[in-house]
């Protein structure tokens, strides 16, 4: 099936939901970035001694960690506790199942990946090199492809659950 046919199957409501969730993801990153700075200034003496660039990296890791908790928690809920992928819960094959909540989770994650990618490009190479950009581009591409086709969300959610390792990477 070609891309035009796939996009033609997407409803106006789905497009609006995805756009709104991407914007929520971007807004979430902005808010958490700022809150991380305020909380860090209050609770970590070393934060005040950091350079402007080091504070930016610290705050970036703050919203990266926050997204990891949201993404891993949402994925765990959708994969394990919700009925979306439960055996016999729907007549659809597992690879074709989706919901408003799963679409929303994926849209928010696109917002996060775009925000982080923007910061990586703006401060290149302080926040990461080409491998980080490649990771983000492939993540956004795979999520968009899953949203547009309506397929494979179970697999994308499994990958988003691996975001649970991000806080450990950010502690380095």
C-alpha atoms as a PDB file:
ATOM      1  CA  UNK A   1       0.000   0.000   0.000  1.00  0.00           C
ATOM      2  CA  UNK A   2       1.442   3.363  -0.924  1.00  0.00           C
ATOM      3  CA  UNK A   3       1.806   6.307   1.413  1.00  0.00           C
ATOM      4  CA  UNK A   4      -1.000   8.368  -0.148  1.00  0.00           C
ATOM      5  CA  UNK A   5      -3.515   5.569   0.455  1.00  0.00           C
ATOM      6  CA  UNK A   6      -2.311   5.182   4.039  1.00  0.00           C
ATOM      7  CA  UNK A   7      -2.585   8.883   4.767  1.00  0.00           C
ATOM      8  CA  UNK A   8      -5.995   8.943   3.082  1.00  0.00           C
ATOM      9  CA  UNK A   9      -7.265   6.401   5.636  1.00  0.00           C
ATOM     10  CA  UNK A  10      -6.311   8.615   8.569  1.00  0.00           C
ATOM     11  CA  UNK A  11      -9.306  10.499   9.947  1.00  0.00           C
ATOM     12  CA  UNK A  12      -9.339  14.202  10.734  1.00  0.00           C
ATOM     13  CA  UNK A  13      -9.863  13.378  14.419  1.00  0.00           C
ATOM     14  CA  UNK A  14      -6.760  11.157  14.443  1.00  0.00           C
ATOM     15  CA  UNK A  15      -4.655  13.881  12.846  1.00  0.00           C
ATOM     16  CA  UNK A  16      -5.904  16.425  15.390  1.00  0.00           C
ATOM     17  CA  UNK A  17      -5.228  14.025  18.281  1.00  0.00           C
ATOM     18  CA  UNK A  18      -1.705  13.303  17.057  1.00  0.00           C
ATOM     19  CA  UNK A  19      -0.902  16.987  16.552  1.00  0.00           C
ATOM     20  CA  UNK A  20      -2.273  17.882  19.988  1.00  0.00           C
ATOM     21  CA  UNK A  21      -0.290  15.082  21.649  1.00  0.00           C
ATOM     22  CA  UNK A  22       2.934  16.109  19.886  1.00  0.00           C
ATOM     23  CA  UNK A  23       2.381  19.657  21.171  1.00  0.00           C
ATOM     24  CA  UNK A  24       1.684  18.289  24.682  1.00  0.00           C
ATOM     25  CA  UNK A  25       4.950  16.338  24.479  1.00  0.00           C
ATOM     26  CA  UNK A  26       6.886  19.459  23.488  1.00  0.00           C
ATOM     27  CA  UNK A  27       5.184  21.524  26.206  1.00  0.00           C
ATOM     28  CA  UNK A  28       5.867  18.773  28.757  1.00  0.00           C
ATOM     29  CA  UNK A  29       9.580  18.868  27.894  1.00  0.00           C
ATOM     30  CA  UNK A  30       9.684  22.660  28.215  1.00  0.00           C
ATOM     31  CA  UNK A  31       7.930  22.637  31.605  1.00  0.00           C
ATOM     32  CA  UNK A  32      10.007  19.769  33.011  1.00  0.00           C
ATOM     33  CA  UNK A  33      13.202  21.429  31.732  1.00  0.00           C
ATOM     34  CA  UNK A  34      12.370  24.582  33.697  1.00  0.00           C
ATOM     35  CA  UNK A  35      11.147  22.723  36.804  1.00  0.00           C
ATOM     36  CA  UNK A  36      14.324  20.625  36.807  1.00  0.00           C
ATOM     37  CA  UNK A  37      16.369  23.834  37.017  1.00  0.00           C
ATOM     38  CA  UNK A  38      14.298  25.195  39.900  1.00  0.00           C
ATOM     39  CA  UNK A  39      14.269  21.929  41.848  1.00  0.00           C
ATOM     40  CA  UNK A  40      17.974  21.369  41.243  1.00  0.00           C
ATOM     41  CA  UNK A  41      18.829  24.872  42.461  1.00  0.00           C
ATOM     42  CA  UNK A  42      16.897  24.168  45.663  1.00  0.00           C
ATOM     43  CA  UNK A  43      18.102  20.651  46.424  1.00  0.00           C
ATOM     44  CA  UNK A  44      21.554  20.306  44.868  1.00  0.00           C
ATOM     45  CA  UNK A  45      24.311  22.684  45.989  1.00  0.00           C
ATOM     46  CA  UNK A  46      26.513  21.619  43.093  1.00  0.00           C
ATOM     47  CA  UNK A  47      23.926  22.836  40.548  1.00  0.00           C
ATOM     48  CA  UNK A  48      24.617  26.510  41.299  1.00  0.00           C
ATOM     49  CA  UNK A  49      28.321  25.933  40.568  1.00  0.00           C
ATOM     50  CA  UNK A  50      27.702  24.497  37.099  1.00  0.00           C
ATOM     51  CA  UNK A  51      28.356  26.524  33.960  1.00  0.00           C
ATOM     52  CA  UNK A  52      25.405  27.600  31.816  1.00  0.00           C
ATOM     53  CA  UNK A  53      26.118  24.755  29.369  1.00  0.00           C
ATOM     54  CA  UNK A  54      26.358  22.176  32.169  1.00  0.00           C
ATOM     55  CA  UNK A  55      23.041  23.386  33.616  1.00  0.00           C
ATOM     56  CA  UNK A  56      21.445  23.025  30.200  1.00  0.00           C
ATOM     57  CA  UNK A  57      22.702  19.431  29.948  1.00  0.00           C
ATOM     58  CA  UNK A  58      21.514  18.677  33.509  1.00  0.00           C
ATOM     59  CA  UNK A  59      18.043  20.062  32.755  1.00  0.00           C
ATOM     60  CA  UNK A  60      17.933  18.182  29.449  1.00  0.00           C
ATOM     61  CA  UNK A  61      18.577  14.952  31.332  1.00  0.00           C
ATOM     62  CA  UNK A  62      15.722  15.944  33.647  1.00  0.00           C
ATOM     63  CA  UNK A  63      13.107  15.967  30.893  1.00  0.00           C
ATOM     64  CA  UNK A  64      14.705  12.933  29.278  1.00  0.00           C
ATOM     65  CA  UNK A  65      14.268  11.025  32.543  1.00  0.00           C
ATOM     66  CA  UNK A  66      10.718  12.309  32.965  1.00  0.00           C
ATOM     67  CA  UNK A  67       9.803  11.126  29.464  1.00  0.00           C
ATOM     68  CA  UNK A  68      11.378   7.750  30.226  1.00  0.00           C
ATOM     69  CA  UNK A  69       9.082   7.300  33.238  1.00  0.00           C
ATOM     70  CA  UNK A  70       5.998   8.440  31.288  1.00  0.00           C
ATOM     71  CA  UNK A  71       6.802   6.325  28.209  1.00  0.00           C
ATOM     72  CA  UNK A  72       7.785   3.189  30.118  1.00  0.00           C
ATOM     73  CA  UNK A  73       4.821   3.503  32.468  1.00  0.00           C
ATOM     74  CA  UNK A  74       2.360   4.098  29.636  1.00  0.00           C
ATOM     75  CA  UNK A  75       3.800   1.250  27.588  1.00  0.00           C
ATOM     76  CA  UNK A  76       3.718  -1.123  30.561  1.00  0.00           C
ATOM     77  CA  UNK A  77       0.091  -0.244  31.240  1.00  0.00           C
ATOM     78  CA  UNK A  78      -0.956  -0.667  27.603  1.00  0.00           C
ATOM     79  CA  UNK A  79       0.997  -3.893  27.108  1.00  0.00           C
ATOM     80  CA  UNK A  80       0.233  -5.661  30.396  1.00  0.00           C
ATOM     81  CA  UNK A  81      -2.742  -4.232  32.256  1.00  0.00           C
ATOM     82  CA  UNK A  82      -5.043  -2.797  29.609  1.00  0.00           C
ATOM     83  CA  UNK A  83      -7.260  -5.049  27.512  1.00  0.00           C
ATOM     84  CA  UNK A  84      -5.854  -3.654  24.267  1.00  0.00           C
ATOM     85  CA  UNK A  85      -3.445  -6.527  23.665  1.00  0.00           C
ATOM     86  CA  UNK A  86      -5.149  -9.110  25.862  1.00  0.00           C
ATOM     87  CA  UNK A  87      -5.792 -12.523  24.407  1.00  0.00           C
ATOM     88  CA  UNK A  88      -9.211 -12.665  22.798  1.00  0.00           C
ATOM     89  CA  UNK A  89     -10.102  -9.103  23.789  1.00  0.00           C
ATOM     90  CA  UNK A  90     -10.524  -7.948  20.192  1.00  0.00           C
ATOM     91  CA  UNK A  91     -11.088  -9.687  16.872  1.00  0.00           C
ATOM     92  CA  UNK A  92      -8.188  -7.784  15.308  1.00  0.00           C
ATOM     93  CA  UNK A  93      -4.707  -9.315  15.028  1.00  0.00           C
ATOM     94  CA  UNK A  94      -2.303  -8.047  17.722  1.00  0.00           C
ATOM     95  CA  UNK A  95      -0.307  -6.066  15.185  1.00  0.00           C
ATOM     96  CA  UNK A  96      -3.385  -4.058  14.127  1.00  0.00           C
ATOM     97  CA  UNK A  97      -4.628  -3.057  17.578  1.00  0.00           C
ATOM     98  CA  UNK A  98      -4.543   0.545  18.708  1.00  0.00           C
ATOM     99  CA  UNK A  99      -6.487   2.893  20.924  1.00  0.00           C
ATOM    100  CA  UNK A 100      -6.814   6.604  21.621  1.00  0.00           C
ATOM    101  CA  UNK A 101      -4.529   6.105  24.626  1.00  0.00           C
ATOM    102  CA  UNK A 102      -1.850   4.294  22.608  1.00  0.00           C
ATOM    103  CA  UNK A 103      -2.050   6.927  19.856  1.00  0.00           C
ATOM    104  CA  UNK A 104      -1.726   9.645  22.523  1.00  0.00           C
ATOM    105  CA  UNK A 105       1.277   7.961  24.123  1.00  0.00           C
ATOM    106  CA  UNK A 106       3.019   7.729  20.767  1.00  0.00           C
ATOM    107  CA  UNK A 107       2.213  11.361  19.926  1.00  0.00           C
ATOM    108  CA  UNK A 108       3.636  12.568  23.240  1.00  0.00           C
ATOM    109  CA  UNK A 109       6.787  10.552  22.586  1.00  0.00           C
ATOM    110  CA  UNK A 110       7.163  12.185  19.164  1.00  0.00           C
ATOM    111  CA  UNK A 111       6.981  15.556  20.949  1.00  0.00           C
ATOM    112  CA  UNK A 112       9.730  14.460  23.318  1.00  0.00           C
ATOM    113  CA  UNK A 113      11.968  13.135  20.522  1.00  0.00           C
ATOM    114  CA  UNK A 114      11.519  16.350  18.501  1.00  0.00           C
ATOM    115  CA  UNK A 115      12.292  18.523  21.547  1.00  0.00           C
ATOM    116  CA  UNK A 116      15.383  16.542  22.427  1.00  0.00           C
ATOM    117  CA  UNK A 117      16.508  16.456  18.804  1.00  0.00           C
ATOM    118  CA  UNK A 118      16.119  20.232  18.591  1.00  0.00           C
ATOM    119  CA  UNK A 119      18.297  20.701  21.652  1.00  0.00           C
ATOM    120  CA  UNK A 120      20.883  18.215  20.357  1.00  0.00           C
ATOM    121  CA  UNK A 121      21.113  20.125  17.079  1.00  0.00           C
ATOM    122  CA  UNK A 122      21.184  23.545  18.774  1.00  0.00           C
ATOM    123  CA  UNK A 123      23.972  22.571  21.183  1.00  0.00           C
ATOM    124  CA  UNK A 124      25.706  20.056  18.922  1.00  0.00           C
ATOM    125  CA  UNK A 125      27.844  18.130  19.955  1.00  0.00           C
ATOM    126  CA  UNK A 126      27.461  18.865  23.699  1.00  0.00           C
ATOM    127  CA  UNK A 127      24.301  16.751  24.168  1.00  0.00           C
ATOM    128  CA  UNK A 128      25.312  13.955  21.823  1.00  0.00           C
ATOM    129  CA  UNK A 129      26.624  13.186  18.414  1.00  0.00           C
ATOM    130  CA  UNK A 130      25.275  11.657  15.265  1.00  0.00           C
ATOM    131  CA  UNK A 131      24.277   8.447  17.053  1.00  0.00           C
ATOM    132  CA  UNK A 132      21.773  10.382  19.193  1.00  0.00           C
ATOM    133  CA  UNK A 133      20.362  12.129  16.138  1.00  0.00           C
ATOM    134  CA  UNK A 134      20.062   8.836  14.270  1.00  0.00           C
ATOM    135  CA  UNK A 135      18.294   7.265  17.272  1.00  0.00           C
ATOM    136  CA  UNK A 136      15.812  10.142  17.445  1.00  0.00           C
ATOM    137  CA  UNK A 137      15.154  10.292  13.695  1.00  0.00           C
ATOM    138  CA  UNK A 138      14.541   6.535  13.511  1.00  0.00           C
ATOM    139  CA  UNK A 139      12.310   6.671  16.598  1.00  0.00           C
ATOM    140  CA  UNK A 140      10.166   9.472  15.173  1.00  0.00           C
ATOM    141  CA  UNK A 141       9.992   7.757  11.776  1.00  0.00           C
ATOM    142  CA  UNK A 142       8.915   4.404  13.231  1.00  0.00           C
ATOM    143  CA  UNK A 143       6.290   5.993  15.485  1.00  0.00           C
ATOM    144  CA  UNK A 144       4.838   8.066  12.630  1.00  0.00           C
ATOM    145  CA  UNK A 145       4.757   5.007  10.387  1.00  0.00           C
ATOM    146  CA  UNK A 146       2.924   3.034  13.072  1.00  0.00           C
ATOM    147  CA  UNK A 147       0.412   5.835  13.645  1.00  0.00           C
ATOM    148  CA  UNK A 148      -0.331   6.335   9.958  1.00  0.00           C
ATOM    149  CA  UNK A 149      -0.606   2.638   9.131  1.00  0.00           C
ATOM    150  CA  UNK A 150      -2.417   1.741  12.355  1.00  0.00           C
ATOM    151  CA  UNK A 151      -0.157  -1.263  12.638  1.00  0.00           C
ATOM    152  CA  UNK A 152       2.687  -2.394  14.824  1.00  0.00           C
ATOM    153  CA  UNK A 153       1.866  -0.332  17.903  1.00  0.00           C
ATOM    154  CA  UNK A 154       2.486  -3.349  20.129  1.00  0.00           C
ATOM    155  CA  UNK A 155       6.078  -3.426  18.871  1.00  0.00           C
ATOM    156  CA  UNK A 156       6.597   0.322  19.190  1.00  0.00           C
ATOM    157  CA  UNK A 157       5.263   0.166  22.760  1.00  0.00           C
ATOM    158  CA  UNK A 158       7.710  -2.640  23.547  1.00  0.00           C
ATOM    159  CA  UNK A 159      10.524  -0.428  22.313  1.00  0.00           C
ATOM    160  CA  UNK A 160       9.173   2.538  24.316  1.00  0.00           C
ATOM    161  CA  UNK A 161       9.229   0.344  27.415  1.00  0.00           C
ATOM    162  CA  UNK A 162      12.996   0.115  26.964  1.00  0.00           C
ATOM    163  CA  UNK A 163      13.056   3.853  27.718  1.00  0.00           C
ATOM    164  CA  UNK A 164      13.019   2.620  31.331  1.00  0.00           C
ATOM    165  CA  UNK A 165      16.812   2.300  30.982  1.00  0.00           C
ATOM    166  CA  UNK A 166      17.196   6.021  30.197  1.00  0.00           C
ATOM    167  CA  UNK A 167      17.417   7.200  33.846  1.00  0.00           C
ATOM    168  CA  UNK A 168      20.437   4.922  34.293  1.00  0.00           C
ATOM    169  CA  UNK A 169      22.087   6.335  31.172  1.00  0.00           C
ATOM    170  CA  UNK A 170      21.365   9.864  32.428  1.00  0.00           C
ATOM    171  CA  UNK A 171      23.049   9.140  35.763  1.00  0.00           C
ATOM    172  CA  UNK A 172      26.399   8.648  34.061  1.00  0.00           C
END
